[in-house]
Amino acid sequence: MYWTEDRRRFQRLVEALSGRADAQAEAEMGAPLGPRLADSLVDVMAGEEQLGLDTLCVNVLDYRVRLTGEEYATITDLAECWALDVRVIDGLNELVIPDDASECS
């Protein structure tokens, strides 16, 4: 399958989110987040964009991965581009780190 700009954006998103799982959530899930996100990238590269993004969103929620505003915007933009049911991204906005929180640190 060929690389499109949206697929490259998705790959960069997977790379950024890998290893950022909440430690307690990862222990509860009994498996690391990285391989699950890698599976979502395989789906996208196989032409299953909706399945891949759905998998990413579910895992981000399950592993309570904190998102930057830019990462959340990328997810919502890809969801729109790939005609993903918007209910899949419900709840992700609660994981977004407010911009002013990073300035206070």
C-alpha atoms as a PDB file:
ATOM      1  CA  MET A   1       0.000   0.000   0.000  1.00  0.00           C
ATOM      2  CA  TYR A   2       1.252   3.473  -0.753  1.00  0.00           C
ATOM      3  CA  TRP A   3       1.905   6.259   1.761  1.00  0.00           C
ATOM      4  CA  THR A   4      -0.448   9.210   1.705  1.00  0.00           C
ATOM      5  CA  GLU A   5      -0.019  12.344   3.774  1.00  0.00           C
ATOM      6  CA  ASP A   6      -2.859  11.217   6.059  1.00  0.00           C
ATOM      7  CA  ARG A   7      -1.160   7.866   6.592  1.00  0.00           C
ATOM      8  CA  ARG A   8       2.094   9.636   7.419  1.00  0.00           C
ATOM      9  CA  ARG A   9       0.237  11.812   9.934  1.00  0.00           C
ATOM     10  CA  PHE A  10      -1.254   8.686  11.459  1.00  0.00           C
ATOM     11  CA  GLN A  11       2.190   7.053  11.663  1.00  0.00           C
ATOM     12  CA  ARG A  12       3.632  10.115  13.417  1.00  0.00           C
ATOM     13  CA  LEU A  13       0.697  10.051  15.833  1.00  0.00           C
ATOM     14  CA  VAL A  14       1.282   6.364  16.655  1.00  0.00           C
ATOM     15  CA  GLU A  15       4.984   7.035  17.211  1.00  0.00           C
ATOM     16  CA  ALA A  16       4.204   9.978  19.511  1.00  0.00           C
ATOM     17  CA  LEU A  17       1.656   8.067  21.601  1.00  0.00           C
ATOM     18  CA  SER A  18       3.613   4.831  21.990  1.00  0.00           C
ATOM     19  CA  GLY A  19       5.053   4.552  25.474  1.00  0.00           C
ATOM     20  CA  ARG A  20       2.790   7.221  26.957  1.00  0.00           C
ATOM     21  CA  ALA A  21       0.245   4.947  28.610  1.00  0.00           C
ATOM     22  CA  ASP A  22      -0.774   5.574  32.185  1.00  0.00           C
ATOM     23  CA  ALA A  23       1.294   3.065  34.207  1.00  0.00           C
ATOM     24  CA  GLN A  24      -1.659   1.852  36.263  1.00  0.00           C
ATOM     25  CA  ALA A  25      -3.837   1.466  33.168  1.00  0.00           C
ATOM     26  CA  GLU A  26      -1.095  -0.491  31.422  1.00  0.00           C
ATOM     27  CA  ALA A  27      -0.827  -2.815  34.421  1.00  0.00           C
ATOM     28  CA  GLU A  28      -4.612  -3.282  34.425  1.00  0.00           C
ATOM     29  CA  MET A  29      -4.611  -4.054  30.697  1.00  0.00           C
ATOM     30  CA  GLY A  30      -1.804  -6.583  31.170  1.00  0.00           C
ATOM     31  CA  ALA A  31      -0.055  -5.616  27.956  1.00  0.00           C
ATOM     32  CA  PRO A  32       2.019  -2.688  26.726  1.00  0.00           C
ATOM     33  CA  LEU A  33       0.389  -0.019  24.593  1.00  0.00           C
ATOM     34  CA  GLY A  34       3.031   0.094  21.840  1.00  0.00           C
ATOM     35  CA  PRO A  35       2.156  -3.191  20.081  1.00  0.00           C
ATOM     36  CA  ARG A  36      -1.538  -2.322  20.113  1.00  0.00           C
ATOM     37  CA  LEU A  37      -0.858   0.996  18.447  1.00  0.00           C
ATOM     38  CA  ALA A  38       1.426  -0.732  15.954  1.00  0.00           C
ATOM     39  CA  ASP A  39      -1.513  -2.997  15.043  1.00  0.00           C
ATOM     40  CA  SER A  40      -3.598   0.087  14.274  1.00  0.00           C
ATOM     41  CA  LEU A  41      -0.870   1.318  11.911  1.00  0.00           C
ATOM     42  CA  VAL A  42      -0.875  -2.051  10.122  1.00  0.00           C
ATOM     43  CA  ASP A  43      -4.641  -1.704   9.646  1.00  0.00           C
ATOM     44  CA  VAL A  44      -4.254   1.782   8.171  1.00  0.00           C
ATOM     45  CA  MET A  45      -1.514   0.666   5.811  1.00  0.00           C
ATOM     46  CA  ALA A  46      -3.703  -2.232   4.685  1.00  0.00           C
ATOM     47  CA  GLY A  47      -6.357   0.262   3.605  1.00  0.00           C
ATOM     48  CA  GLU A  48      -8.497  -0.145   6.722  1.00  0.00           C
ATOM     49  CA  GLU A  49      -8.222   3.469   7.881  1.00  0.00           C
ATOM     50  CA  GLN A  50     -11.452   3.455   9.863  1.00  0.00           C
ATOM     51  CA  LEU A  51     -10.515   0.272  11.720  1.00  0.00           C
ATOM     52  CA  GLY A  52      -7.010   1.558  12.457  1.00  0.00           C
ATOM     53  CA  LEU A  53      -8.190   4.893  13.810  1.00  0.00           C
ATOM     54  CA  ASP A  54     -10.949   3.204  15.787  1.00  0.00           C
ATOM     55  CA  THR A  55      -8.362   0.863  17.333  1.00  0.00           C
ATOM     56  CA  LEU A  56      -6.093   3.787  18.184  1.00  0.00           C
ATOM     57  CA  CYS A  57      -8.938   5.715  19.848  1.00  0.00           C
ATOM     58  CA  VAL A  58     -10.116   2.743  21.903  1.00  0.00           C
ATOM     59  CA  ASN A  59      -6.587   2.061  23.103  1.00  0.00           C
ATOM     60  CA  VAL A  60      -5.927   5.718  23.931  1.00  0.00           C
ATOM     61  CA  LEU A  61      -9.050   5.645  26.095  1.00  0.00           C
ATOM     62  CA  ASP A  62      -8.286   2.253  27.678  1.00  0.00           C
ATOM     63  CA  TYR A  63      -4.695   3.201  28.476  1.00  0.00           C
ATOM     64  CA  ARG A  64      -5.636   6.758  29.539  1.00  0.00           C
ATOM     65  CA  VAL A  65      -3.012   8.346  27.287  1.00  0.00           C
ATOM     66  CA  ARG A  66      -2.780  12.097  27.821  1.00  0.00           C
ATOM     67  CA  LEU A  67      -3.089  13.990  24.526  1.00  0.00           C
ATOM     68  CA  THR A  68      -1.798  17.356  23.455  1.00  0.00           C
ATOM     69  CA  GLY A  69      -4.232  19.677  21.738  1.00  0.00           C
ATOM     70  CA  GLU A  70      -2.380  19.070  18.473  1.00  0.00           C
ATOM     71  CA  GLU A  71      -2.676  15.275  18.815  1.00  0.00           C
ATOM     72  CA  TYR A  72      -6.386  15.555  19.535  1.00  0.00           C
ATOM     73  CA  ALA A  73      -6.812  17.841  16.515  1.00  0.00           C
ATOM     74  CA  THR A  74      -4.977  15.301  14.335  1.00  0.00           C
ATOM     75  CA  ILE A  75      -7.275  12.518  15.523  1.00  0.00           C
ATOM     76  CA  THR A  76     -10.432  14.533  14.867  1.00  0.00           C
ATOM     77  CA  ASP A  77      -9.156  15.659  11.471  1.00  0.00           C
ATOM     78  CA  LEU A  78      -8.319  12.095  10.414  1.00  0.00           C
ATOM     79  CA  ALA A  79     -11.704  10.945  11.704  1.00  0.00           C
ATOM     80  CA  GLU A  80     -13.347  13.469   9.421  1.00  0.00           C
ATOM     81  CA  CYS A  81     -11.138  12.581   6.439  1.00  0.00           C
ATOM     82  CA  TRP A  82     -11.734   8.864   6.857  1.00  0.00           C
ATOM     83  CA  ALA A  83     -15.470   9.187   7.652  1.00  0.00           C
ATOM     84  CA  LEU A  84     -15.076   7.619  11.095  1.00  0.00           C
ATOM     85  CA  ASP A  85     -18.156   7.533  13.299  1.00  0.00           C
ATOM     86  CA  VAL A  86     -17.585  10.493  15.611  1.00  0.00           C
ATOM     87  CA  ARG A  87     -18.870   8.502  18.594  1.00  0.00           C
ATOM     88  CA  VAL A  88     -15.510   6.697  18.495  1.00  0.00           C
ATOM     89  CA  ILE A  89     -13.702   9.872  19.550  1.00  0.00           C
ATOM     90  CA  ASP A  90     -16.174  10.712  22.313  1.00  0.00           C
ATOM     91  CA  GLY A  91     -14.305  10.945  25.569  1.00  0.00           C
ATOM     92  CA  LEU A  92     -10.926  11.707  24.032  1.00  0.00           C
ATOM     93  CA  ASN A  93     -11.330  15.412  24.771  1.00  0.00           C
ATOM     94  CA  GLU A  94     -11.175  14.543  28.488  1.00  0.00           C
ATOM     95  CA  LEU A  95      -7.616  13.241  27.961  1.00  0.00           C
ATOM     96  CA  VAL A  96      -6.330  16.481  26.411  1.00  0.00           C
ATOM     97  CA  ILE A  97      -3.754  18.314  28.487  1.00  0.00           C
ATOM     98  CA  PRO A  98      -4.740  21.991  28.690  1.00  0.00           C
ATOM     99  CA  ASP A  99      -2.180  24.257  27.023  1.00  0.00           C
ATOM    100  CA  ASP A 100      -1.795  26.349  30.177  1.00  0.00           C
ATOM    101  CA  ALA A 101      -0.925  23.242  32.246  1.00  0.00           C
ATOM    102  CA  SER A 102       2.326  22.787  30.348  1.00  0.00           C
ATOM    103  CA  GLU A 103       3.239  26.436  30.965  1.00  0.00           C
ATOM    104  CA  CYS A 104       2.812  26.049  34.742  1.00  0.00           C
ATOM    105  CA  SER A 105       5.300  23.183  35.008  1.00  0.00           C
END
